[in-house]
């Protein structure tokens, strides 16, 4: 996944997740967020739900790593870096 996890892209990821998660296959699901530059609240909610169902979230950028850690620990206001709730990695 690359770019922004916002709006319609959240819906696309949700649909893909549902299709893949339906199977009885017990393989690990790894979500590669290394090239994601921003995540909105709906993206955070989806990633939190996916993580709770066993998906592993991978991230290397400072911003996305922070969001992932906050999701895993149940942190509040995970994207407090910006008032508009979405931050580009280059702004940090």
PDB file of N, CA and C in Angstrom:
ATOM      1  N   UNK A   1       0.847  -1.151   0.000  1.00  0.00           N
ATOM      2  CA  UNK A   1       0.000   0.000   0.000  1.00  0.00           C
ATOM      3  C   UNK A   1       0.903   1.227   0.000  1.00  0.00           C
ATOM      4  N   UNK A   2       0.501   2.247  -0.771  1.00  0.00           N
ATOM      5  CA  UNK A   2       1.293   3.463  -0.778  1.00  0.00           C
ATOM      6  C   UNK A   2       0.390   4.674  -0.918  1.00  0.00           C
ATOM      7  N   UNK A   3       0.912   5.819  -0.512  1.00  0.00           N
ATOM      8  CA  UNK A   3       0.132   7.043  -0.591  1.00  0.00           C
ATOM      9  C   UNK A   3      -0.661   7.269   0.682  1.00  0.00           C
ATOM     10  N   UNK A   4      -1.892   7.720   0.495  1.00  0.00           N
ATOM     11  CA  UNK A   4      -2.731   8.101   1.629  1.00  0.00           C
ATOM     12  C   UNK A   4      -3.812   7.058   1.894  1.00  0.00           C
ATOM     13  N   UNK A   5      -3.984   6.692   3.152  1.00  0.00           N
ATOM     14  CA  UNK A   5      -5.068   5.802   3.552  1.00  0.00           C
ATOM     15  C   UNK A   5      -6.190   6.690   4.080  1.00  0.00           C
ATOM     16  N   UNK A   6      -6.958   7.220   3.148  1.00  0.00           N
ATOM     17  CA  UNK A   6      -8.038   8.158   3.460  1.00  0.00           C
ATOM     18  C   UNK A   6      -9.234   7.867   2.553  1.00  0.00           C
ATOM     19  N   UNK A   7     -10.415   8.300   2.993  1.00  0.00           N
ATOM     20  CA  UNK A   7     -11.624   8.256   2.177  1.00  0.00           C
ATOM     21  C   UNK A   7     -11.836   6.972   1.406  1.00  0.00           C
ATOM     22  N   UNK A   8     -11.889   7.071   0.067  1.00  0.00           N
ATOM     23  CA  UNK A   8     -12.214   5.897  -0.747  1.00  0.00           C
ATOM     24  C   UNK A   8     -11.175   4.781  -0.644  1.00  0.00           C
ATOM     25  N   UNK A   9      -9.958   5.105  -0.297  1.00  0.00           N
ATOM     26  CA  UNK A   9      -8.915   4.078  -0.180  1.00  0.00           C
ATOM     27  C   UNK A   9      -9.127   3.229   1.062  1.00  0.00           C
ATOM     28  N   UNK A  10      -9.748   3.823   2.081  1.00  0.00           N
ATOM     29  CA  UNK A  10     -10.096   3.042   3.269  1.00  0.00           C
ATOM     30  C   UNK A  10     -11.150   2.004   2.882  1.00  0.00           C
ATOM     31  N   UNK A  11     -12.144   2.440   2.115  1.00  0.00           N
ATOM     32  CA  UNK A  11     -13.188   1.518   1.661  1.00  0.00           C
ATOM     33  C   UNK A  11     -12.610   0.410   0.792  1.00  0.00           C
ATOM     34  N   UNK A  12     -11.664   0.743  -0.056  1.00  0.00           N
ATOM     35  CA  UNK A  12     -11.021  -0.258  -0.912  1.00  0.00           C
ATOM     36  C   UNK A  12     -10.255  -1.278  -0.073  1.00  0.00           C
ATOM     37  N   UNK A  13      -9.508  -0.812   0.917  1.00  0.00           N
ATOM     38  CA  UNK A  13      -8.776  -1.724   1.793  1.00  0.00           C
ATOM     39  C   UNK A  13      -9.748  -2.599   2.572  1.00  0.00           C
ATOM     40  N   UNK A  14     -10.838  -2.014   3.061  1.00  0.00           N
ATOM     41  CA  UNK A  14     -11.840  -2.776   3.807  1.00  0.00           C
ATOM     42  C   UNK A  14     -12.419  -3.907   2.944  1.00  0.00           C
ATOM     43  N   UNK A  15     -12.778  -3.588   1.699  1.00  0.00           N
ATOM     44  CA  UNK A  15     -13.343  -4.595   0.796  1.00  0.00           C
ATOM     45  C   UNK A  15     -12.328  -5.695   0.514  1.00  0.00           C
ATOM     46  N   UNK A  16     -11.085  -5.328   0.288  1.00  0.00           N
ATOM     47  CA  UNK A  16     -10.031  -6.311   0.027  1.00  0.00           C
ATOM     48  C   UNK A  16      -9.808  -7.189   1.254  1.00  0.00           C
ATOM     49  N   UNK A  17      -9.788  -6.568   2.421  1.00  0.00           N
ATOM     50  CA  UNK A  17      -9.614  -7.301   3.672  1.00  0.00           C
ATOM     51  C   UNK A  17     -10.748  -8.315   3.865  1.00  0.00           C
ATOM     52  N   UNK A  18     -11.971  -7.886   3.626  1.00  0.00           N
ATOM     53  CA  UNK A  18     -13.110  -8.792   3.802  1.00  0.00           C
ATOM     54  C   UNK A  18     -13.027  -9.986   2.859  1.00  0.00           C
ATOM     55  N   UNK A  19     -12.638  -9.729   1.605  1.00  0.00           N
ATOM     56  CA  UNK A  19     -12.496 -10.838   0.647  1.00  0.00           C
ATOM     57  C   UNK A  19     -11.413 -11.815   1.099  1.00  0.00           C
ATOM     58  N   UNK A  20     -10.296 -11.297   1.519  1.00  0.00           N
ATOM     59  CA  UNK A  20      -9.172 -12.147   1.913  1.00  0.00           C
ATOM     60  C   UNK A  20      -9.432 -12.831   3.250  1.00  0.00           C
ATOM     61  N   UNK A  21     -10.106 -12.155   4.137  1.00  0.00           N
ATOM     62  CA  UNK A  21     -10.318 -12.662   5.493  1.00  0.00           C
ATOM     63  C   UNK A  21     -11.433 -13.705   5.567  1.00  0.00           C
ATOM     64  N   UNK A  22     -12.278 -13.764   4.541  1.00  0.00           N
ATOM     65  CA  UNK A  22     -13.391 -14.715   4.499  1.00  0.00           C
ATOM     66  C   UNK A  22     -12.931 -16.157   4.454  1.00  0.00           C
ATOM     67  N   UNK A  23     -11.822 -16.393   3.792  1.00  0.00           N
ATOM     68  CA  UNK A  23     -11.380 -17.781   3.590  1.00  0.00           C
ATOM     69  C   UNK A  23     -10.997 -18.424   4.922  1.00  0.00           C
ATOM     70  N   UNK A  24     -10.986 -19.725   4.916  1.00  0.00           N
ATOM     71  CA  UNK A  24     -10.592 -20.493   6.103  1.00  0.00           C
ATOM     72  C   UNK A  24      -9.069 -20.604   6.199  1.00  0.00           C
ATOM     73  N   UNK A  25      -8.389 -19.990   5.267  1.00  0.00           N
ATOM     74  CA  UNK A  25      -6.934 -20.015   5.235  1.00  0.00           C
ATOM     75  C   UNK A  25      -6.388 -19.362   6.507  1.00  0.00           C
ATOM     76  N   UNK A  26      -5.467 -20.017   7.152  1.00  0.00           N
ATOM     77  CA  UNK A  26      -4.923 -19.511   8.415  1.00  0.00           C
ATOM     78  C   UNK A  26      -3.580 -18.799   8.242  1.00  0.00           C
ATOM     79  N   UNK A  27      -3.260 -18.416   7.007  1.00  0.00           N
ATOM     80  CA  UNK A  27      -2.001 -17.696   6.788  1.00  0.00           C
ATOM     81  C   UNK A  27      -2.053 -16.336   7.478  1.00  0.00           C
ATOM     82  N   UNK A  28      -0.895 -15.846   7.869  1.00  0.00           N
ATOM     83  CA  UNK A  28      -0.798 -14.532   8.498  1.00  0.00           C
ATOM     84  C   UNK A  28      -1.106 -13.444   7.470  1.00  0.00           C
ATOM     85  N   UNK A  29      -1.762 -12.411   7.921  1.00  0.00           N
ATOM     86  CA  UNK A  29      -2.047 -11.259   7.068  1.00  0.00           C
ATOM     87  C   UNK A  29      -1.116 -10.127   7.510  1.00  0.00           C
ATOM     88  N   UNK A  30      -0.281  -9.668   6.597  1.00  0.00           N
ATOM     89  CA  UNK A  30       0.660  -8.593   6.898  1.00  0.00           C
ATOM     90  C   UNK A  30       0.282  -7.381   6.054  1.00  0.00           C
ATOM     91  N   UNK A  31       0.036  -6.266   6.721  1.00  0.00           N
ATOM     92  CA  UNK A  31      -0.322  -5.026   6.041  1.00  0.00           C
ATOM     93  C   UNK A  31       0.931  -4.156   5.999  1.00  0.00           C
ATOM     94  N   UNK A  32       1.466  -3.956   4.805  1.00  0.00           N
ATOM     95  CA  UNK A  32       2.687  -3.176   4.608  1.00  0.00           C
ATOM     96  C   UNK A  32       2.305  -1.706   4.438  1.00  0.00           C
ATOM     97  N   UNK A  33       2.604  -0.919   5.463  1.00  0.00           N
ATOM     98  CA  UNK A  33       2.290   0.514   5.458  1.00  0.00           C
ATOM     99  C   UNK A  33       3.541   1.360   5.230  1.00  0.00           C
ATOM    100  N   UNK A  34       4.619   0.737   4.775  1.00  0.00           N
ATOM    101  CA  UNK A  34       5.894   1.441   4.641  1.00  0.00           C
ATOM    102  C   UNK A  34       5.841   2.645   3.714  1.00  0.00           C
ATOM    103  N   UNK A  35       5.000   2.617   2.698  1.00  0.00           N
ATOM    104  CA  UNK A  35       4.932   3.742   1.761  1.00  0.00           C
ATOM    105  C   UNK A  35       3.683   4.591   1.945  1.00  0.00           C
ATOM    106  N   UNK A  36       3.020   4.436   3.084  1.00  0.00           N
ATOM    107  CA  UNK A  36       1.843   5.259   3.375  1.00  0.00           C
ATOM    108  C   UNK A  36       2.315   6.586   3.961  1.00  0.00           C
ATOM    109  N   UNK A  37       1.748   7.677   3.462  1.00  0.00           N
ATOM    110  CA  UNK A  37       2.170   9.006   3.911  1.00  0.00           C
ATOM    111  C   UNK A  37       1.182   9.663   4.860  1.00  0.00           C
ATOM    112  N   UNK A  38      -0.077   9.228   4.853  1.00  0.00           N
ATOM    113  CA  UNK A  38      -1.050   9.802   5.778  1.00  0.00           C
ATOM    114  C   UNK A  38      -2.210   8.836   5.992  1.00  0.00           C
ATOM    115  N   UNK A  39      -2.837   8.967   7.154  1.00  0.00           N
ATOM    116  CA  UNK A  39      -3.954   8.100   7.535  1.00  0.00           C
ATOM    117  C   UNK A  39      -4.993   8.969   8.219  1.00  0.00           C
ATOM    118  N   UNK A  40      -6.254   8.883   7.754  1.00  0.00           N
ATOM    119  CA  UNK A  40      -7.301   9.661   8.424  1.00  0.00           C
ATOM    120  C   UNK A  40      -7.964   8.809   9.511  1.00  0.00           C
ATOM    121  N   UNK A  41      -8.938   9.371  10.226  1.00  0.00           N
ATOM    122  CA  UNK A  41      -9.581   8.655  11.329  1.00  0.00           C
ATOM    123  C   UNK A  41     -10.230   7.350  10.882  1.00  0.00           C
ATOM    124  N   UNK A  42     -10.864   7.346   9.708  1.00  0.00           N
ATOM    125  CA  UNK A  42     -11.498   6.108   9.251  1.00  0.00           C
ATOM    126  C   UNK A  42     -10.439   5.054   8.940  1.00  0.00           C
ATOM    127  N   UNK A  43      -9.300   5.480   8.434  1.00  0.00           N
ATOM    128  CA  UNK A  43      -8.192   4.556   8.203  1.00  0.00           C
ATOM    129  C   UNK A  43      -7.659   3.992   9.512  1.00  0.00           C
ATOM    130  N   UNK A  44      -7.568   4.840  10.526  1.00  0.00           N
ATOM    131  CA  UNK A  44      -7.125   4.384  11.845  1.00  0.00           C
ATOM    132  C   UNK A  44      -8.078   3.337  12.399  1.00  0.00           C
ATOM    133  N   UNK A  45      -9.378   3.607  12.286  1.00  0.00           N
ATOM    134  CA  UNK A  45     -10.369   2.654  12.797  1.00  0.00           C
ATOM    135  C   UNK A  45     -10.257   1.310  12.089  1.00  0.00           C
ATOM    136  N   UNK A  46     -10.091   1.338  10.761  1.00  0.00           N
ATOM    137  CA  UNK A  46      -9.967   0.092  10.009  1.00  0.00           C
ATOM    138  C   UNK A  46      -8.703  -0.659  10.416  1.00  0.00           C
ATOM    139  N   UNK A  47      -7.583   0.027  10.504  1.00  0.00           N
ATOM    140  CA  UNK A  47      -6.333  -0.632  10.892  1.00  0.00           C
ATOM    141  C   UNK A  47      -6.444  -1.222  12.295  1.00  0.00           C
ATOM    142  N   UNK A  48      -7.103  -0.517  13.204  1.00  0.00           N
ATOM    143  CA  UNK A  48      -7.299  -1.027  14.561  1.00  0.00           C
ATOM    144  C   UNK A  48      -8.110  -2.324  14.515  1.00  0.00           C
ATOM    145  N   UNK A  49      -9.193  -2.328  13.745  1.00  0.00           N
ATOM    146  CA  UNK A  49     -10.039  -3.522  13.635  1.00  0.00           C
ATOM    147  C   UNK A  49      -9.265  -4.677  13.010  1.00  0.00           C
ATOM    148  N   UNK A  50      -8.489  -4.390  11.977  1.00  0.00           N
ATOM    149  CA  UNK A  50      -7.702  -5.431  11.316  1.00  0.00           C
ATOM    150  C   UNK A  50      -6.664  -6.004  12.277  1.00  0.00           C
ATOM    151  N   UNK A  51      -6.030  -5.133  13.037  1.00  0.00           N
ATOM    152  CA  UNK A  51      -5.027  -5.560  14.003  1.00  0.00           C
ATOM    153  C   UNK A  51      -5.651  -6.454  15.068  1.00  0.00           C
ATOM    154  N   UNK A  52      -6.835  -6.095  15.540  1.00  0.00           N
ATOM    155  CA  UNK A  52      -7.523  -6.903  16.551  1.00  0.00           C
ATOM    156  C   UNK A  52      -7.886  -8.282  16.022  1.00  0.00           C
ATOM    157  N   UNK A  53      -8.052  -8.394  14.697  1.00  0.00           N
ATOM    158  CA  UNK A  53      -8.389  -9.687  14.089  1.00  0.00           C
ATOM    159  C   UNK A  53      -7.145 -10.442  13.629  1.00  0.00           C
ATOM    160  N   UNK A  54      -5.967  -9.960  14.038  1.00  0.00           N
ATOM    161  CA  UNK A  54      -4.746 -10.713  13.788  1.00  0.00           C
ATOM    162  C   UNK A  54      -3.826 -10.184  12.706  1.00  0.00           C
ATOM    163  N   UNK A  55      -4.215  -9.142  11.988  1.00  0.00           N
ATOM    164  CA  UNK A  55      -3.335  -8.598  10.955  1.00  0.00           C
ATOM    165  C   UNK A  55      -2.100  -7.972  11.610  1.00  0.00           C
ATOM    166  N   UNK A  56      -0.964  -8.162  10.972  1.00  0.00           N
ATOM    167  CA  UNK A  56       0.276  -7.547  11.436  1.00  0.00           C
ATOM    168  C   UNK A  56       0.498  -6.276  10.624  1.00  0.00           C
ATOM    169  N   UNK A  57       0.692  -5.156  11.301  1.00  0.00           N
ATOM    170  CA  UNK A  57       0.887  -3.872  10.633  1.00  0.00           C
ATOM    171  C   UNK A  57       2.367  -3.540  10.624  1.00  0.00           C
ATOM    172  N   UNK A  58       2.938  -3.340   9.428  1.00  0.00           N
ATOM    173  CA  UNK A  58       4.351  -2.998   9.284  1.00  0.00           C
ATOM    174  C   UNK A  58       4.475  -1.539   8.847  1.00  0.00           C
ATOM    175  N   UNK A  59       5.367  -0.813   9.499  1.00  0.00           N
ATOM    176  CA  UNK A  59       5.591   0.582   9.125  1.00  0.00           C
ATOM    177  C   UNK A  59       7.012   0.978   9.473  1.00  0.00           C
ATOM    178  N   UNK A  60       7.601   1.830   8.632  1.00  0.00           N
ATOM    179  CA  UNK A  60       8.956   2.294   8.930  1.00  0.00           C
ATOM    180  C   UNK A  60       9.031   3.801   9.091  1.00  0.00           C
ATOM    181  N   UNK A  61       8.128   4.553   8.482  1.00  0.00           N
ATOM    182  CA  UNK A  61       8.154   6.009   8.616  1.00  0.00           C
ATOM    183  C   UNK A  61       7.757   6.450  10.014  1.00  0.00           C
ATOM    184  N   UNK A  62       8.309   7.543  10.472  1.00  0.00           N
ATOM    185  CA  UNK A  62       8.072   8.041  11.826  1.00  0.00           C
ATOM    186  C   UNK A  62       6.580   8.229  12.106  1.00  0.00           C
ATOM    187  N   UNK A  63       5.878   8.910  11.224  1.00  0.00           N
ATOM    188  CA  UNK A  63       4.453   9.188  11.432  1.00  0.00           C
ATOM    189  C   UNK A  63       3.634   7.898  11.480  1.00  0.00           C
ATOM    190  N   UNK A  64       3.786   7.038  10.492  1.00  0.00           N
ATOM    191  CA  UNK A  64       2.964   5.824  10.425  1.00  0.00           C
ATOM    192  C   UNK A  64       3.343   4.870  11.559  1.00  0.00           C
ATOM    193  N   UNK A  65       4.616   4.786  11.905  1.00  0.00           N
ATOM    194  CA  UNK A  65       5.023   3.957  13.042  1.00  0.00           C
ATOM    195  C   UNK A  65       4.335   4.443  14.313  1.00  0.00           C
ATOM    196  N   UNK A  66       4.266   5.756  14.481  1.00  0.00           N
ATOM    197  CA  UNK A  66       3.593   6.331  15.651  1.00  0.00           C
ATOM    198  C   UNK A  66       2.118   5.936  15.661  1.00  0.00           C
ATOM    199  N   UNK A  67       1.450   6.069  14.528  1.00  0.00           N
ATOM    200  CA  UNK A  67       0.034   5.711  14.434  1.00  0.00           C
ATOM    201  C   UNK A  67      -0.158   4.237  14.771  1.00  0.00           C
ATOM    202  N   UNK A  68       0.657   3.369  14.201  1.00  0.00           N
ATOM    203  CA  UNK A  68       0.538   1.926  14.442  1.00  0.00           C
ATOM    204  C   UNK A  68       0.743   1.614  15.920  1.00  0.00           C
ATOM    205  N   UNK A  69       1.753   2.203  16.534  1.00  0.00           N
ATOM    206  CA  UNK A  69       1.995   1.959  17.966  1.00  0.00           C
ATOM    207  C   UNK A  69       0.811   2.425  18.801  1.00  0.00           C
ATOM    208  N   UNK A  70       0.248   3.560  18.470  1.00  0.00           N
ATOM    209  CA  UNK A  70      -0.916   4.067  19.200  1.00  0.00           C
ATOM    210  C   UNK A  70      -2.116   3.144  19.019  1.00  0.00           C
ATOM    211  N   UNK A  71      -2.283   2.609  17.830  1.00  0.00           N
ATOM    212  CA  UNK A  71      -3.387   1.676  17.585  1.00  0.00           C
ATOM    213  C   UNK A  71      -3.215   0.414  18.414  1.00  0.00           C
ATOM    214  N   UNK A  72      -2.000  -0.071  18.505  1.00  0.00           N
ATOM    215  CA  UNK A  72      -1.727  -1.305  19.245  1.00  0.00           C
ATOM    216  C   UNK A  72      -1.907  -1.116  20.743  1.00  0.00           C
ATOM    217  N   UNK A  73      -1.581   0.062  21.236  1.00  0.00           N
ATOM    218  CA  UNK A  73      -1.677   0.304  22.681  1.00  0.00           C
ATOM    219  C   UNK A  73      -3.004   0.923  23.076  1.00  0.00           C
ATOM    220  N   UNK A  74      -3.860   1.169  22.104  1.00  0.00           N
ATOM    221  CA  UNK A  74      -5.157   1.767  22.412  1.00  0.00           C
ATOM    222  C   UNK A  74      -5.050   3.244  22.718  1.00  0.00           C
ATOM    223  N   UNK A  75      -3.976   3.865  22.228  1.00  0.00           N
ATOM    224  CA  UNK A  75      -3.773   5.289  22.469  1.00  0.00           C
ATOM    225  C   UNK A  75      -4.903   6.136  21.921  1.00  0.00           C
ATOM    226  N   UNK A  76      -5.125   7.268  22.539  1.00  0.00           N
ATOM    227  CA  UNK A  76      -6.177   8.184  22.138  1.00  0.00           C
ATOM    228  C   UNK A  76      -5.594   9.274  21.262  1.00  0.00           C
ATOM    229  N   UNK A  77      -6.365   9.750  20.291  1.00  0.00           N
ATOM    230  CA  UNK A  77      -5.951  10.877  19.447  1.00  0.00           C
ATOM    231  C   UNK A  77      -4.637  10.566  18.747  1.00  0.00           C
ATOM    232  N   UNK A  78      -4.619   9.481  17.997  1.00  0.00           N
ATOM    233  CA  UNK A  78      -3.378   8.978  17.421  1.00  0.00           C
ATOM    234  C   UNK A  78      -2.718   9.908  16.434  1.00  0.00           C
ATOM    235  N   UNK A  79      -3.457  10.783  15.786  1.00  0.00           N
ATOM    236  CA  UNK A  79      -2.826  11.673  14.805  1.00  0.00           C
ATOM    237  C   UNK A  79      -2.833  13.104  15.305  1.00  0.00           C
ATOM    238  N   UNK A  80      -2.403  13.285  16.539  1.00  0.00           N
ATOM    239  CA  UNK A  80      -2.436  14.608  17.139  1.00  0.00           C
ATOM    240  C   UNK A  80      -1.397  15.551  16.560  1.00  0.00           C
ATOM    241  N   UNK A  81      -0.648  15.125  15.552  1.00  0.00           N
ATOM    242  CA  UNK A  81       0.347  15.992  14.934  1.00  0.00           C
ATOM    243  C   UNK A  81      -0.288  17.161  14.192  1.00  0.00           C
ATOM    244  N   UNK A  82      -1.538  17.033  13.774  1.00  0.00           N
ATOM    245  CA  UNK A  82      -2.134  18.044  12.917  1.00  0.00           C
ATOM    246  C   UNK A  82      -3.605  18.251  13.251  1.00  0.00           C
ATOM    247  N   UNK A  83      -4.057  19.487  13.169  1.00  0.00           N
ATOM    248  CA  UNK A  83      -5.455  19.798  13.459  1.00  0.00           C
ATOM    249  C   UNK A  83      -6.405  19.201  12.438  1.00  0.00           C
ATOM    250  N   UNK A  84      -5.960  18.999  11.184  1.00  0.00           N
ATOM    251  CA  UNK A  84      -6.867  18.464  10.162  1.00  0.00           C
ATOM    252  C   UNK A  84      -6.921  16.938  10.168  1.00  0.00           C
ATOM    253  N   UNK A  85      -6.299  16.293  11.173  1.00  0.00           N
ATOM    254  CA  UNK A  85      -6.358  14.851  11.385  1.00  0.00           C
ATOM    255  C   UNK A  85      -5.579  14.037  10.356  1.00  0.00           C
ATOM    256  N   UNK A  86      -4.933  14.666   9.394  1.00  0.00           N
ATOM    257  CA  UNK A  86      -4.129  13.941   8.417  1.00  0.00           C
ATOM    258  C   UNK A  86      -2.798  14.662   8.274  1.00  0.00           C
ATOM    259  N   UNK A  87      -1.716  13.929   8.368  1.00  0.00           N
ATOM    260  CA  UNK A  87      -0.389  14.531   8.296  1.00  0.00           C
ATOM    261  C   UNK A  87       0.418  13.801   7.245  1.00  0.00           C
ATOM    262  N   UNK A  88       1.076  14.558   6.402  1.00  0.00           N
ATOM    263  CA  UNK A  88       1.975  13.944   5.430  1.00  0.00           C
ATOM    264  C   UNK A  88       3.314  13.687   6.112  1.00  0.00           C
ATOM    265  N   UNK A  89       3.917  12.580   5.792  1.00  0.00           N
ATOM    266  CA  UNK A  89       5.181  12.200   6.433  1.00  0.00           C
ATOM    267  C   UNK A  89       6.248  13.266   6.227  1.00  0.00           C
ATOM    268  N   UNK A  90       6.227  13.964   5.097  1.00  0.00           N
ATOM    269  CA  UNK A  90       7.259  14.967   4.816  1.00  0.00           C
ATOM    270  C   UNK A  90       7.146  16.173   5.721  1.00  0.00           C
ATOM    271  N   UNK A  91       6.009  16.374   6.388  1.00  0.00           N
ATOM    272  CA  UNK A  91       5.815  17.544   7.236  1.00  0.00           C
ATOM    273  C   UNK A  91       6.473  17.393   8.597  1.00  0.00           C
ATOM    274  N   UNK A  92       6.936  16.194   8.914  1.00  0.00           N
ATOM    275  CA  UNK A  92       7.498  15.966  10.243  1.00  0.00           C
ATOM    276  C   UNK A  92       8.957  16.330  10.298  1.00  0.00           C
TER     277      UNK A  92
END
